[in-house]
Protein backbone atom coordinates (compact mmCIF):
# COMPACT_ATOMS: atom_id res chain seq x y z
CA MET A 1 -130.52 142.81 67.15
CA ALA A 2 -130.28 140.74 70.31
CA SER A 3 -128.99 137.71 68.45
CA ASP A 4 -125.97 139.58 67.04
CA VAL A 5 -122.61 138.85 68.65
CA ALA A 6 -120.10 141.69 68.16
CA GLY A 7 -121.57 142.43 64.75
CA PHE A 8 -121.99 138.77 63.67
CA THR A 9 -125.33 136.94 63.42
CA ARG A 10 -125.79 133.69 65.35
CA ARG A 11 -125.68 131.73 62.05
CA GLU A 12 -122.37 133.35 61.02
CA PHE A 13 -120.87 132.78 64.47
CA LEU A 14 -121.73 129.07 64.40
CA ARG A 15 -120.44 128.72 60.84
CA GLY A 16 -117.11 130.27 61.87
CA GLY A 17 -116.87 128.02 64.94
CA CYS A 18 -117.37 124.92 62.83
CA ALA A 19 -114.63 126.05 60.47
CA VAL A 20 -112.18 126.47 63.36
CA LEU A 21 -113.08 123.04 64.73
CA THR A 22 -112.51 121.52 61.29
CA LEU A 23 -109.01 123.03 61.15
CA LEU A 24 -108.16 121.63 64.56
CA VAL A 25 -109.03 118.04 63.66
CA THR A 26 -107.64 117.91 60.12
CA PRO A 27 -103.97 116.92 59.45
CA THR A 28 -103.19 120.32 57.92
CA ALA A 29 -103.72 121.91 61.32
CA TRP A 30 -100.80 120.07 62.84
CA SER A 31 -97.20 121.07 62.12
CA ALA A 32 -95.73 118.83 59.47
CA ALA A 33 -93.35 116.10 60.58
CA PRO A 34 -89.65 116.66 59.80
CA THR A 35 -88.64 115.56 56.31
CA LEU A 36 -85.21 114.00 55.77
CA LEU A 37 -83.47 115.62 52.81
CA GLY A 38 -80.30 113.55 52.59
CA VAL A 39 -77.70 111.46 54.38
CA ARG A 40 -73.95 111.59 53.79
CA VAL A 41 -71.00 109.63 55.18
CA TRP A 42 -67.47 111.08 55.28
CA PRO A 43 -64.81 108.55 56.44
CA ALA A 44 -61.45 110.04 57.42
CA PRO A 45 -58.32 108.70 59.14
CA ASP A 46 -59.09 110.66 62.32
CA TYR A 47 -62.84 110.09 62.49
CA THR A 48 -65.94 109.20 60.48
CA ARG A 49 -68.76 111.70 60.08
CA VAL A 50 -72.39 110.85 59.31
CA THR A 51 -74.60 113.81 58.37
CA ILE A 52 -78.39 113.69 58.34
CA GLU A 53 -79.97 116.72 56.66
CA HIS A 54 -83.60 117.67 57.35
CA ASP A 55 -86.00 120.55 56.77
CA GLN A 56 -86.72 121.41 60.42
CA PRO A 57 -85.26 120.63 63.87
CA ILE A 58 -85.67 117.08 65.12
CA ASP A 59 -85.35 115.45 68.53
CA PHE A 60 -83.05 112.48 68.87
CA ARG A 61 -81.88 110.00 71.50
CA GLN A 62 -78.63 108.07 71.48
CA MET A 63 -77.31 104.94 73.20
CA VAL A 64 -73.81 103.43 73.15
CA LEU A 65 -73.86 99.65 73.53
CA LYS A 66 -71.16 96.98 73.92
CA ASP A 67 -70.62 93.41 72.74
CA PRO A 68 -70.58 94.26 69.92
CA ASP A 69 -69.73 97.97 69.90
CA ARG A 70 -72.56 99.95 68.38
CA LEU A 71 -74.30 103.31 68.50
CA VAL A 72 -78.11 103.41 68.47
CA LEU A 73 -79.83 106.60 67.36
CA ASP A 74 -83.60 107.20 67.57
CA LEU A 75 -85.05 110.05 65.49
CA GLU A 76 -88.27 111.32 67.06
CA GLY A 77 -91.13 112.33 64.77
CA VAL A 78 -89.42 110.81 61.75
CA GLU A 79 -90.83 108.01 59.61
CA PHE A 80 -88.54 105.56 57.84
CA ASN A 81 -88.24 106.53 54.17
CA SER A 82 -86.07 106.12 51.08
CA VAL A 83 -83.47 108.58 52.40
CA LEU A 84 -82.77 106.43 55.46
CA ALA A 85 -83.04 103.28 53.35
CA SER A 86 -80.07 104.51 51.29
CA LEU A 87 -77.79 104.89 54.33
CA PRO A 88 -76.48 101.29 54.62
CA GLY A 89 -75.22 101.41 51.02
CA LYS A 90 -73.04 104.43 51.76
CA ILE A 91 -70.68 102.56 54.09
CA LEU A 92 -67.34 101.54 52.58
CA ASP A 93 -65.44 98.43 53.62
CA SER A 94 -62.44 100.70 54.19
CA ASP A 95 -64.29 102.92 56.69
CA PRO A 96 -62.01 103.00 59.76
CA GLN A 97 -64.85 103.18 62.30
CA ILE A 98 -68.11 101.80 60.86
CA LYS A 99 -68.67 98.12 60.09
CA LEU A 100 -72.23 98.52 58.86
CA ILE A 101 -75.40 100.54 59.40
CA ARG A 102 -78.99 99.37 59.77
CA ALA A 103 -81.98 101.70 59.61
CA GLY A 104 -85.70 101.05 60.03
CA ARG A 105 -88.98 101.96 61.74
CA PHE A 106 -88.62 101.39 65.49
CA LYS A 107 -92.20 102.37 66.35
CA PRO A 108 -94.78 104.81 64.96
CA GLY A 109 -93.16 108.20 64.60
CA VAL A 110 -89.67 106.98 65.50
CA ALA A 111 -86.95 105.89 63.06
CA ARG A 112 -83.98 103.97 64.43
CA ILE A 113 -80.41 103.88 63.12
CA VAL A 114 -77.99 101.25 64.42
CA ILE A 115 -74.31 101.82 63.65
CA GLU A 116 -72.18 98.72 64.16
CA LEU A 117 -68.61 99.76 64.92
CA LYS A 118 -65.20 98.26 64.27
CA GLY A 119 -64.04 99.20 67.75
CA GLU A 120 -64.67 101.46 70.71
CA VAL A 121 -65.45 105.06 69.81
CA LYS A 122 -66.11 108.39 71.47
CA PRO A 123 -69.15 109.71 69.60
CA GLN A 124 -69.98 113.38 69.32
CA LEU A 125 -73.50 114.32 68.20
CA PHE A 126 -74.52 117.90 67.52
CA THR A 127 -76.88 119.91 65.34
CA LEU A 128 -76.21 122.65 62.82
CA LYS A 129 -78.63 125.36 61.75
CA PRO A 130 -79.27 126.03 58.04
CA VAL A 131 -76.37 127.71 56.24
CA GLY A 132 -75.57 128.16 52.58
CA SER A 133 -77.37 125.50 50.54
CA TYR A 134 -77.85 123.21 53.56
CA GLY A 135 -80.93 122.80 55.73
CA HIS A 136 -80.84 121.65 59.35
CA ARG A 137 -78.22 118.99 60.00
CA LEU A 138 -77.68 116.34 62.65
CA VAL A 139 -74.00 115.40 62.72
CA ILE A 140 -72.61 112.17 64.18
CA ASP A 141 -68.81 112.24 64.56
CA LEU A 142 -67.24 108.90 65.51
CA TYR A 143 -63.75 109.30 66.99
CA PRO A 144 -61.68 106.26 67.98
CA ALA A 145 -61.23 105.81 71.72
CA GLU A 146 -57.47 105.83 71.10
CA PRO A 147 -56.78 108.58 68.54
CA PRO A 148 -53.92 108.03 66.07
CA ASP A 149 -50.61 109.78 66.69
CA PRO A 150 -49.71 111.78 63.55
CA LEU A 151 -46.01 111.97 64.43
CA LEU A 152 -45.82 108.22 65.00
CA ALA A 153 -47.61 107.66 61.68
CA LEU A 154 -44.93 109.70 59.93
CA LEU A 155 -42.18 107.70 61.61
CA GLU A 156 -43.76 104.40 60.60
CA LYS A 157 -44.35 105.56 57.04
CA ARG A 158 -40.74 106.50 56.50
CA GLY A 159 -39.66 103.11 57.83
CA GLN A 160 -35.93 102.65 57.51
CA ASP A 161 -35.38 105.62 55.19
CA ASP A 162 -32.35 107.67 56.12
CA PRO A 163 -33.58 111.14 57.15
CA PHE A 164 -30.05 112.47 56.79
CA ALA A 165 -29.65 111.59 53.12
CA GLN A 166 -26.76 113.29 51.41
CA GLY A 167 -27.38 116.40 49.36
CA ASP A 168 -28.74 119.84 50.02
CA PRO A 169 -32.42 120.04 49.00
CA PHE A 170 -32.41 123.81 49.11
CA ALA A 171 -29.34 124.67 47.08
CA ALA A 172 -31.09 123.94 43.76
CA ALA A 173 -33.44 126.88 44.31
CA ASP A 174 -30.58 129.25 45.04
CA ARG A 175 -30.06 131.34 41.92
CA LYS A 176 -27.88 133.88 43.69
CA PRO A 177 -24.20 132.88 43.63
CA HIS A 178 -23.49 134.08 47.16
CA ALA A 179 -26.76 133.19 48.90
CA GLN A 180 -26.46 131.27 52.14
CA THR A 181 -27.26 127.55 52.09
CA PRO A 182 -28.64 125.67 55.10
CA ASP A 183 -26.06 124.80 57.73
CA VAL A 184 -28.37 122.46 59.67
CA ALA A 185 -28.66 119.01 58.07
CA ARG A 186 -31.95 117.66 59.35
CA LEU A 187 -35.30 116.53 58.09
CA VAL A 188 -37.72 119.35 57.29
CA THR A 189 -41.45 118.78 57.86
CA ILE A 190 -43.98 120.68 55.76
CA VAL A 191 -47.71 120.44 56.41
CA ILE A 192 -49.86 120.95 53.32
CA ASP A 193 -53.46 121.93 53.91
CA PRO A 194 -55.91 121.30 51.03
CA GLY A 195 -58.69 123.80 51.68
CA HIS A 196 -62.29 122.79 52.43
CA GLY A 197 -63.52 119.16 52.02
CA GLY A 198 -66.45 116.97 52.94
CA GLU A 199 -69.58 118.98 53.68
CA ASP A 200 -67.73 122.12 52.58
CA PRO A 201 -67.15 122.15 48.79
CA GLY A 202 -65.49 125.55 48.84
CA ALA A 203 -66.00 127.77 45.80
CA ILE A 204 -67.66 126.24 42.75
CA GLY A 205 -66.75 127.34 39.23
CA ALA A 206 -69.16 128.01 36.38
CA GLY A 207 -68.19 124.64 34.90
CA GLY A 208 -69.05 122.83 38.15
CA SER A 209 -65.48 122.35 39.41
CA ARG A 210 -65.28 122.28 43.19
CA GLU A 211 -62.51 123.99 45.09
CA LYS A 212 -62.15 121.07 47.52
CA ASP A 213 -61.27 118.71 44.63
CA VAL A 214 -58.80 121.08 42.98
CA THR A 215 -56.95 121.84 46.20
CA LEU A 216 -56.61 118.16 47.10
CA ALA A 217 -55.27 117.31 43.63
CA ILE A 218 -52.61 120.04 43.82
CA ALA A 219 -51.74 119.19 47.44
CA ARG A 220 -51.20 115.52 46.60
CA ARG A 221 -48.86 116.44 43.76
CA LEU A 222 -46.97 118.80 46.04
CA LYS A 223 -46.64 116.15 48.73
CA ALA A 224 -45.22 113.65 46.23
CA LYS A 225 -42.62 116.17 45.10
CA ILE A 226 -41.64 117.07 48.66
CA ASP A 227 -41.36 113.42 49.73
CA ALA A 228 -39.11 112.77 46.73
CA THR A 229 -36.74 115.55 47.84
CA PRO A 230 -33.88 114.57 50.19
CA ASN A 231 -34.25 115.83 53.77
CA MET A 232 -37.88 116.87 53.23
CA ARG A 233 -41.17 115.24 54.13
CA ALA A 234 -44.79 116.34 53.84
CA LEU A 235 -48.00 115.69 55.73
CA LEU A 236 -51.49 116.46 54.40
CA THR A 237 -54.10 117.76 56.82
CA ARG A 238 -56.58 115.74 54.76
CA ASP A 239 -55.98 113.11 52.10
CA GLY A 240 -59.57 112.53 51.04
CA ASP A 241 -62.96 114.16 50.76
CA TYR A 242 -63.74 114.99 54.38
CA PHE A 243 -63.83 118.11 56.51
CA ILE A 244 -61.21 119.17 59.05
CA PRO A 245 -62.08 122.18 61.25
CA LEU A 246 -59.73 125.13 60.80
CA GLN A 247 -58.35 124.95 64.34
CA GLN A 248 -57.58 121.25 63.96
CA ARG A 249 -55.62 121.93 60.79
CA VAL A 250 -53.37 124.23 62.79
CA ALA A 251 -53.18 121.71 65.64
CA LYS A 252 -52.10 118.94 63.24
CA ALA A 253 -49.17 121.06 62.11
CA ARG A 254 -48.10 121.81 65.67
CA ARG A 255 -48.36 118.18 66.76
CA VAL A 256 -45.77 117.12 64.17
CA GLN A 257 -43.58 120.16 64.90
CA ALA A 258 -43.92 121.38 61.32
CA ASP A 259 -41.38 123.78 59.87
CA LEU A 260 -43.87 125.27 57.41
CA PHE A 261 -47.63 125.31 56.92
CA VAL A 262 -49.00 125.84 53.40
CA SER A 263 -52.78 126.10 52.88
CA VAL A 264 -53.82 125.56 49.26
CA HIS A 265 -56.95 127.23 47.85
CA ALA A 266 -58.61 128.16 44.58
CA ASP A 267 -61.18 130.69 45.61
CA ALA A 268 -63.85 132.78 43.94
CA PHE A 269 -64.60 136.48 43.89
CA MET A 270 -67.78 138.41 43.27
CA LYS A 271 -66.70 139.26 39.72
CA PRO A 272 -65.75 136.45 37.29
CA THR A 273 -63.05 138.67 35.81
CA ALA A 274 -60.87 138.34 38.93
CA ARG A 275 -57.78 136.36 37.99
CA GLY A 276 -54.24 135.50 39.03
CA SER A 277 -52.42 133.81 41.89
CA SER A 278 -52.02 135.33 45.36
CA VAL A 279 -50.25 134.58 48.63
CA PHE A 280 -51.58 135.61 52.03
CA VAL A 281 -50.15 135.59 55.54
CA LEU A 282 -51.66 136.40 58.90
CA SER A 283 -52.13 139.98 60.02
CA GLU A 284 -52.35 141.16 63.62
CA ASN A 285 -53.32 144.68 62.61
CA GLY A 286 -56.15 144.35 60.11
CA ALA A 287 -56.27 143.33 56.46
CA SER A 288 -53.96 144.83 53.86
CA SER A 289 -56.92 145.44 51.52
CA SER A 290 -60.70 145.18 51.44
CA ALA A 291 -60.41 142.19 49.09
CA ALA A 292 -58.08 140.43 51.53
CA ARG A 293 -60.53 141.08 54.37
CA TRP A 294 -63.44 139.74 52.27
CA LEU A 295 -61.49 136.62 51.37
CA ALA A 296 -60.44 135.98 54.98
CA ASP A 297 -64.04 136.32 56.17
CA ARG A 298 -65.12 133.87 53.49
CA GLU A 299 -62.45 131.30 54.35
CA ASN A 300 -63.05 131.65 58.09
CA ALA A 301 -66.73 130.80 57.49
CA ALA A 302 -65.69 127.30 56.35
CA ASP A 303 -66.38 125.89 59.82
CA LEU A 304 -70.02 126.99 59.57
CA ILE A 305 -70.49 125.05 56.35
CA GLY A 306 -68.20 122.12 57.11
CA GLY A 307 -69.69 121.74 60.59
CA VAL A 308 -67.90 122.12 63.93
CA ASN A 309 -69.02 120.90 67.33
CA LEU A 310 -68.76 124.04 69.46
CA GLY A 311 -69.58 122.09 72.61
CA THR A 312 -66.25 120.25 72.85
CA LYS A 313 -63.19 121.52 74.67
CA ASP A 314 -59.84 120.32 73.33
CA PRO A 315 -57.00 121.52 75.59
CA HIS A 316 -54.51 121.19 72.73
CA LEU A 317 -56.65 123.44 70.55
CA ALA A 318 -57.07 125.85 73.45
CA ARG A 319 -53.30 126.22 73.64
CA THR A 320 -53.18 126.83 69.90
CA LEU A 321 -55.64 129.69 70.25
CA LEU A 322 -53.71 131.53 72.94
CA ASP A 323 -53.28 135.18 72.09
CA LEU A 324 -49.54 134.98 71.63
CA SER A 325 -47.28 137.53 70.03
CA GLN A 326 -46.69 136.27 66.52
CA THR A 327 -44.48 139.04 65.21
CA ALA A 328 -41.45 136.84 64.57
CA THR A 329 -43.53 134.08 62.94
CA ILE A 330 -45.36 136.58 60.73
CA ASN A 331 -42.03 138.01 59.56
CA ASP A 332 -40.90 134.51 58.56
CA SER A 333 -44.26 133.92 56.90
CA LEU A 334 -43.77 137.05 54.83
CA LYS A 335 -40.34 135.82 53.71
CA LEU A 336 -41.83 132.47 52.72
CA GLY A 337 -44.75 134.18 50.99
CA ARG A 338 -42.44 136.39 48.90
CA ALA A 339 -40.35 133.40 47.83
CA VAL A 340 -43.45 131.44 46.78
CA LEU A 341 -45.09 134.42 45.08
CA ASN A 342 -41.93 134.94 43.02
CA GLU A 343 -42.18 131.36 41.72
CA LEU A 344 -45.92 131.59 41.05
CA GLY A 345 -45.29 134.58 38.82
CA GLY A 346 -43.43 132.26 36.46
CA ILE A 347 -46.50 130.12 35.71
CA ASN A 348 -49.47 132.47 36.14
CA ASN A 349 -50.41 136.11 36.35
CA LEU A 350 -50.27 137.54 39.85
CA HIS A 351 -53.46 139.02 41.26
CA LYS A 352 -51.30 141.28 43.40
CA GLY A 353 -47.55 141.72 43.09
CA HIS A 354 -47.01 141.56 46.84
CA VAL A 355 -47.93 139.29 49.73
CA GLU A 356 -51.22 140.33 51.31
CA GLN A 357 -52.28 140.02 54.94
CA ALA A 358 -55.55 139.34 56.74
CA GLY A 359 -56.93 137.49 59.77
CA PHE A 360 -57.08 133.94 58.37
CA ALA A 361 -57.92 131.51 61.18
CA VAL A 362 -55.99 128.68 59.51
CA LEU A 363 -52.75 130.69 59.65
CA LYS A 364 -52.74 131.27 63.42
CA ALA A 365 -50.04 128.82 64.50
CA PRO A 366 -47.89 130.99 66.78
CA ASP A 367 -44.65 129.15 66.02
CA ILE A 368 -44.89 127.94 62.39
CA PRO A 369 -44.35 130.16 59.33
CA SER A 370 -47.67 129.84 57.49
CA ILE A 371 -49.04 130.96 54.13
CA LEU A 372 -52.33 130.63 52.29
CA VAL A 373 -51.94 130.28 48.52
CA GLU A 374 -54.74 131.18 46.13
CA THR A 375 -53.55 129.15 43.14
CA ALA A 376 -56.04 130.89 40.81
CA PHE A 377 -59.66 132.03 40.76
CA ILE A 378 -62.03 129.15 40.12
CA SER A 379 -64.74 131.75 39.47
CA ASN A 380 -62.85 132.82 36.32
CA PRO A 381 -63.88 130.42 33.51
CA GLU A 382 -60.44 130.47 31.90
CA GLU A 383 -58.62 129.86 35.17
CA GLU A 384 -61.13 127.17 36.15
CA LYS A 385 -60.06 125.19 33.08
CA ARG A 386 -56.41 125.56 34.06
CA LEU A 387 -57.06 124.48 37.64
CA THR A 388 -58.56 121.20 36.47
CA ASP A 389 -55.72 120.57 34.00
CA GLU A 390 -53.21 118.03 35.34
CA ALA A 391 -50.27 119.74 33.65
CA TYR A 392 -51.10 123.05 35.33
CA GLN A 393 -51.62 121.34 38.68
CA ASP A 394 -48.14 119.84 38.35
CA GLN A 395 -46.66 123.23 37.43
CA MET A 396 -48.33 124.78 40.46
CA ALA A 397 -46.95 122.08 42.76
CA GLU A 398 -43.47 122.53 41.31
CA ALA A 399 -43.64 126.31 41.79
CA LEU A 400 -44.72 125.91 45.42
CA LEU A 401 -41.84 123.51 46.10
CA SER A 402 -39.34 125.82 44.42
CA GLY A 403 -40.55 128.71 46.55
CA MET A 404 -40.10 126.67 49.72
CA LYS A 405 -36.59 125.63 48.67
CA ARG A 406 -35.73 129.26 47.97
CA TYR A 407 -36.98 130.24 51.43
CA PHE A 408 -34.92 127.56 53.18
CA ALA A 409 -31.83 128.46 51.16
CA GLN A 410 -31.95 131.93 52.68
CA ASN A 411 -33.41 130.90 56.05
CA PRO A 412 -31.82 127.60 57.13
CA PRO A 413 -34.00 125.54 59.48
CA ALA A 414 -32.93 125.67 63.10
CA ALA A 415 -32.04 122.54 65.06
CA LYS A 416 -34.92 120.71 66.69
CA SER A 417 -35.42 118.11 69.38
CA LYS A 418 -34.06 114.61 68.87
CA LEU A 419 -37.57 113.30 68.22
CA ALA A 420 -38.14 115.82 65.44
CA ARG A 421 -34.72 115.13 63.90
CA LEU A 422 -35.24 111.40 63.86
CA GLY A 423 -38.75 111.71 62.37
């Protein structure tokens, strides 16, 4: 028939055209506007992070203004809603960078956030693609224009304390009658790294316990015990619920010329029956087991979840990542790991009776003996209960300290620069 068009009648063709036109002019034809899923604020001594989570990518525009200092952020295609309305109430008076936040509708299709600051900052804004349980994220990191000096902070905190107090802190761990005791009387600095934090909860047990909370609780107890020991001091890479990128954890230890680096974890495994404590050190030649490789891959993925700005270039971090020969440091790390593992065996079953090795990014300081301690498996219901028990946390901290004392008793710390000795 002449009125047919490629097998369709004129009536059918017109009906189909009207349907297409209807789709084009109805709201369902347009892509939905981004939906904000949540906002979170993570204040830390080094910086404050604001995270805006959304279901699809968004465009944004930023302005830094003076008198007073403030950061203005416009979110394109976003309408003001209850999620943004909750943001001002998330700011603490103790936040080191943010005085207050205002949020509202700037104009149709644009939401505006105004962050009033307590001083001059160097903001870093970047986006993160969906990972784990998170959707798209816009991250605002507010760094002070003059970053704090961690070594100076340690000096100020100790005040007038005598770093050369009498007594040998390592002799108490020496159970061998003829073992060597340290012959260098100086202050020893130990950096304790509570795993995960902030956006990165770490492993989560069946009972809801989060690894980031357990590791911080144990690390704080360990720090208190170290600080109470003559000739020893401790520094935490984080002392609150916020995220520190893996490379910066290493850099913090190097900036204070740490003698030891101890990363505390309470990880999970695929099977809930996995149990026991473990100690890991860095490997330059592959993992010592498939389980160690799996665990290292999992821990090294923390930056993806916690959120790292890959667009920044920190020369100090670049030096940390130099491909240096770490043979001597790894040997010392193994000695430290064996001493700590021996003490852990007195309070918990050992997952493996020897120190394991894998490519953990957080253990890559080329000049600091470093270990990663899996205190127990939070994925094991029985061990999860122990990890949240204050008595067990205290036992774990005591065992870690005893292992470090044992290591120093057999490996006296070498002399350092005058600045390090007077710290």
